[in-house]
Amino acid sequence: MNLRGRNKVSATFSMSSMTDIVFLLLIFFMLTSPVITPEALDLILPKAKGKTTSQQNVAVSITKELDFYINDEKINSNRIESALKLKLNGIEEPTIILRAEEGVPIEKAVLIMDIANRNRFKIVLAVKPN
């Protein structure tokens, strides 16, 4: 009397579906990471506790060499106000992210804050998390 079953269960596991999922996730994150990363220069920001808002319309950066950038475009310091008005024209609740590198004189940051105050732009100071 033969008690062996005719159908054998395979003990192997197919990794092809798991590999497909991993590749789809990889492609998704590769495509969305440039969207998440703001257009900004690589600056050494001052440290502080708190969070920087992710909603922004324009990023203003000030380097140690006192160069001003709007997003990633270098701009002369006396043209900042007109360029900000142009970029933020027609935007509801315009927001500026101020990214002043460590060691920049406070007067330069106050210049941007004064422009934002005069034009009723919301301004947020970007810092490196502590």
C-alpha atoms as a PDB file:
ATOM      1  CA  MET A   1       0.000   0.000   0.000  1.00  0.00           C
ATOM      2  CA  ASN A   2       1.532   3.300  -1.170  1.00  0.00           C
ATOM      3  CA  LEU A   3       0.649   6.202   1.211  1.00  0.00           C
ATOM      4  CA  ARG A   4       2.740   8.869  -0.470  1.00  0.00           C
ATOM      5  CA  GLY A   5       0.856  11.775  -1.921  1.00  0.00           C
ATOM      6  CA  ARG A   6       1.088  12.486  -5.592  1.00  0.00           C
ATOM      7  CA  ASN A   7       1.258  16.276  -5.170  1.00  0.00           C
ATOM      8  CA  LYS A   8       4.479  17.504  -3.680  1.00  0.00           C
ATOM      9  CA  VAL A   9       4.582  20.951  -2.071  1.00  0.00           C
ATOM     10  CA  SER A  10       7.560  22.994  -3.206  1.00  0.00           C
ATOM     11  CA  ALA A  11       9.587  24.438  -0.317  1.00  0.00           C
ATOM     12  CA  THR A  12      11.162  27.186  -2.445  1.00  0.00           C
ATOM     13  CA  PHE A  13      10.130  30.822  -2.262  1.00  0.00           C
ATOM     14  CA  SER A  14       9.961  33.015  -5.354  1.00  0.00           C
ATOM     15  CA  MET A  15      11.667  36.362  -4.800  1.00  0.00           C
ATOM     16  CA  SER A  16      10.612  37.858  -8.143  1.00  0.00           C
ATOM     17  CA  SER A  17       7.518  39.621  -6.768  1.00  0.00           C
ATOM     18  CA  MET A  18       9.508  41.028  -3.833  1.00  0.00           C
ATOM     19  CA  THR A  19      12.181  42.260  -6.252  1.00  0.00           C
ATOM     20  CA  ASP A  20       9.545  43.981  -8.386  1.00  0.00           C
ATOM     21  CA  ILE A  21       8.192  45.831  -5.358  1.00  0.00           C
ATOM     22  CA  VAL A  22      11.670  46.952  -4.278  1.00  0.00           C
ATOM     23  CA  PHE A  23      12.462  48.267  -7.766  1.00  0.00           C
ATOM     24  CA  LEU A  24       9.152  50.130  -7.954  1.00  0.00           C
ATOM     25  CA  LEU A  25       9.830  51.780  -4.584  1.00  0.00           C
ATOM     26  CA  LEU A  26      13.357  52.666  -5.671  1.00  0.00           C
ATOM     27  CA  ILE A  27      12.087  54.313  -8.859  1.00  0.00           C
ATOM     28  CA  PHE A  28       9.378  56.165  -6.922  1.00  0.00           C
ATOM     29  CA  PHE A  29      11.853  57.641  -4.430  1.00  0.00           C
ATOM     30  CA  MET A  30      14.363  58.523  -7.136  1.00  0.00           C
ATOM     31  CA  LEU A  31      11.699  60.444  -9.043  1.00  0.00           C
ATOM     32  CA  THR A  32      10.229  62.255  -6.040  1.00  0.00           C
ATOM     33  CA  SER A  33      13.414  63.209  -4.180  1.00  0.00           C
ATOM     34  CA  PRO A  34      14.254  66.203  -6.434  1.00  0.00           C
ATOM     35  CA  VAL A  35      10.728  67.513  -5.868  1.00  0.00           C
ATOM     36  CA  ILE A  36      11.078  67.339  -2.095  1.00  0.00           C
ATOM     37  CA  THR A  37      14.519  68.945  -1.937  1.00  0.00           C
ATOM     38  CA  PRO A  38      14.179  72.737  -2.103  1.00  0.00           C
ATOM     39  CA  GLU A  39      16.195  74.699  -4.600  1.00  0.00           C
ATOM     40  CA  ALA A  40      18.877  76.051  -2.358  1.00  0.00           C
ATOM     41  CA  LEU A  41      22.577  76.411  -1.959  1.00  0.00           C
ATOM     42  CA  ASP A  42      24.581  74.182   0.314  1.00  0.00           C
ATOM     43  CA  LEU A  43      25.118  76.519   3.277  1.00  0.00           C
ATOM     44  CA  ILE A  44      26.237  75.850   6.828  1.00  0.00           C
ATOM     45  CA  LEU A  45      23.208  77.073   8.762  1.00  0.00           C
ATOM     46  CA  PRO A  46      23.182  78.117  12.416  1.00  0.00           C
ATOM     47  CA  LYS A  47      21.895  75.480  14.842  1.00  0.00           C
ATOM     48  CA  ALA A  48      18.636  75.868  16.750  1.00  0.00           C
ATOM     49  CA  LYS A  49      15.830  73.810  18.163  1.00  0.00           C
ATOM     50  CA  GLY A  50      12.642  73.826  16.116  1.00  0.00           C
ATOM     51  CA  LYS A  51      11.547  73.024  12.614  1.00  0.00           C
ATOM     52  CA  THR A  52      11.673  74.857   9.325  1.00  0.00           C
ATOM     53  CA  THR A  53       8.409  75.000   7.417  1.00  0.00           C
ATOM     54  CA  SER A  54       8.238  72.968   4.240  1.00  0.00           C
ATOM     55  CA  GLN A  55       5.895  75.450   2.515  1.00  0.00           C
ATOM     56  CA  GLN A  56       7.877  78.012   0.641  1.00  0.00           C
ATOM     57  CA  ASN A  57       7.513  80.203  -2.358  1.00  0.00           C
ATOM     58  CA  VAL A  58      11.048  81.618  -2.526  1.00  0.00           C
ATOM     59  CA  ALA A  59      14.315  80.849  -0.762  1.00  0.00           C
ATOM     60  CA  VAL A  60      16.729  83.739  -0.158  1.00  0.00           C
ATOM     61  CA  SER A  61      20.267  82.640   0.693  1.00  0.00           C
ATOM     62  CA  ILE A  62      23.163  84.732   1.984  1.00  0.00           C
ATOM     63  CA  THR A  63      26.675  83.252   1.839  1.00  0.00           C
ATOM     64  CA  LYS A  64      29.705  84.102   3.986  1.00  0.00           C
ATOM     65  CA  GLU A  65      31.056  86.112   1.059  1.00  0.00           C
ATOM     66  CA  LEU A  66      27.855  88.245   1.309  1.00  0.00           C
ATOM     67  CA  ASP A  67      26.502  87.000  -2.012  1.00  0.00           C
ATOM     68  CA  PHE A  68      22.697  87.000  -2.253  1.00  0.00           C
ATOM     69  CA  TYR A  69      20.760  84.251  -4.038  1.00  0.00           C
ATOM     70  CA  ILE A  70      17.057  83.925  -4.771  1.00  0.00           C
ATOM     71  CA  ASN A  71      16.489  80.178  -5.037  1.00  0.00           C
ATOM     72  CA  ASP A  72      19.703  79.260  -6.878  1.00  0.00           C
ATOM     73  CA  GLU A  73      20.068  82.472  -8.895  1.00  0.00           C
ATOM     74  CA  LYS A  74      22.724  84.984  -7.801  1.00  0.00           C
ATOM     75  CA  ILE A  75      21.379  88.517  -7.521  1.00  0.00           C
ATOM     76  CA  ASN A  76      22.749  91.955  -6.704  1.00  0.00           C
ATOM     77  CA  SER A  77      21.820  93.181  -3.210  1.00  0.00           C
ATOM     78  CA  ASN A  78      20.117  96.346  -4.499  1.00  0.00           C
ATOM     79  CA  ARG A  79      17.818  94.335  -6.815  1.00  0.00           C
ATOM     80  CA  ILE A  80      16.518  91.902  -4.177  1.00  0.00           C
ATOM     81  CA  GLU A  81      13.275  93.729  -3.401  1.00  0.00           C
ATOM     82  CA  SER A  82      12.184  94.075  -7.027  1.00  0.00           C
ATOM     83  CA  ALA A  83      13.083  90.445  -7.771  1.00  0.00           C
ATOM     84  CA  LEU A  84      11.130  89.209  -4.738  1.00  0.00           C
ATOM     85  CA  LYS A  85       8.088  91.282  -5.715  1.00  0.00           C
ATOM     86  CA  LEU A  86       8.267  89.826  -9.218  1.00  0.00           C
ATOM     87  CA  LYS A  87       8.572  86.208  -8.023  1.00  0.00           C
ATOM     88  CA  LEU A  88       5.901  86.473  -5.328  1.00  0.00           C
ATOM     89  CA  ASN A  89       3.404  88.514  -7.353  1.00  0.00           C
ATOM     90  CA  GLY A  90      -0.050  86.928  -7.322  1.00  0.00           C
ATOM     91  CA  ILE A  91       0.786  84.252  -4.741  1.00  0.00           C
ATOM     92  CA  GLU A  92      -1.586  83.924  -1.819  1.00  0.00           C
ATOM     93  CA  GLU A  93       0.328  84.106   1.490  1.00  0.00           C
ATOM     94  CA  PRO A  94       3.789  84.624  -0.039  1.00  0.00           C
ATOM     95  CA  THR A  95       6.526  83.039   2.057  1.00  0.00           C
ATOM     96  CA  ILE A  96      10.285  83.601   2.051  1.00  0.00           C
ATOM     97  CA  ILE A  97      12.731  81.126   3.561  1.00  0.00           C
ATOM     98  CA  LEU A  98      15.788  83.089   4.718  1.00  0.00           C
ATOM     99  CA  ARG A  99      18.920  80.922   4.709  1.00  0.00           C
ATOM    100  CA  ALA A 100      21.781  82.973   6.156  1.00  0.00           C
ATOM    101  CA  GLU A 101      25.057  81.074   6.464  1.00  0.00           C
ATOM    102  CA  GLU A 102      26.802  80.972   9.823  1.00  0.00           C
ATOM    103  CA  GLY A 103      28.966  84.077  10.274  1.00  0.00           C
ATOM    104  CA  VAL A 104      26.874  86.418   8.103  1.00  0.00           C
ATOM    105  CA  PRO A 105      26.464  89.852   9.729  1.00  0.00           C
ATOM    106  CA  ILE A 106      22.998  90.313  11.206  1.00  0.00           C
ATOM    107  CA  GLU A 107      22.510  93.504   9.169  1.00  0.00           C
ATOM    108  CA  LYS A 108      22.294  91.452   5.967  1.00  0.00           C
ATOM    109  CA  ALA A 109      19.588  89.197   7.404  1.00  0.00           C
ATOM    110  CA  VAL A 110      17.711  92.228   8.740  1.00  0.00           C
ATOM    111  CA  LEU A 111      17.815  93.758   5.238  1.00  0.00           C
ATOM    112  CA  ILE A 112      15.817  90.786   3.888  1.00  0.00           C
ATOM    113  CA  MET A 113      13.484  90.843   6.900  1.00  0.00           C
ATOM    114  CA  ASP A 114      12.825  94.549   6.326  1.00  0.00           C
ATOM    115  CA  ILE A 115      11.978  93.907   2.663  1.00  0.00           C
ATOM    116  CA  ALA A 116       9.569  91.147   3.714  1.00  0.00           C
ATOM    117  CA  ASN A 117       7.970  93.396   6.342  1.00  0.00           C
ATOM    118  CA  ARG A 118       7.464  96.292   3.920  1.00  0.00           C
ATOM    119  CA  ASN A 119       5.819  94.034   1.334  1.00  0.00           C
ATOM    120  CA  ARG A 120       3.839  91.929   3.840  1.00  0.00           C
ATOM    121  CA  PHE A 121       5.670  88.713   2.968  1.00  0.00           C
ATOM    122  CA  LYS A 122       5.852  85.983   5.576  1.00  0.00           C
ATOM    123  CA  ILE A 123       9.494  85.222   6.384  1.00  0.00           C
ATOM    124  CA  VAL A 124      10.954  82.149   8.057  1.00  0.00           C
ATOM    125  CA  LEU A 125      14.575  81.796   9.147  1.00  0.00           C
ATOM    126  CA  ALA A 126      16.029  78.415   8.153  1.00  0.00           C
ATOM    127  CA  VAL A 127      18.265  76.715  10.726  1.00  0.00           C
ATOM    128  CA  LYS A 128      20.020  73.391  11.046  1.00  0.00           C
ATOM    129  CA  PRO A 129      18.280  71.138  13.565  1.00  0.00           C
ATOM    130  CA  ASN A 130      20.189  70.759  16.817  1.00  0.00           C
END
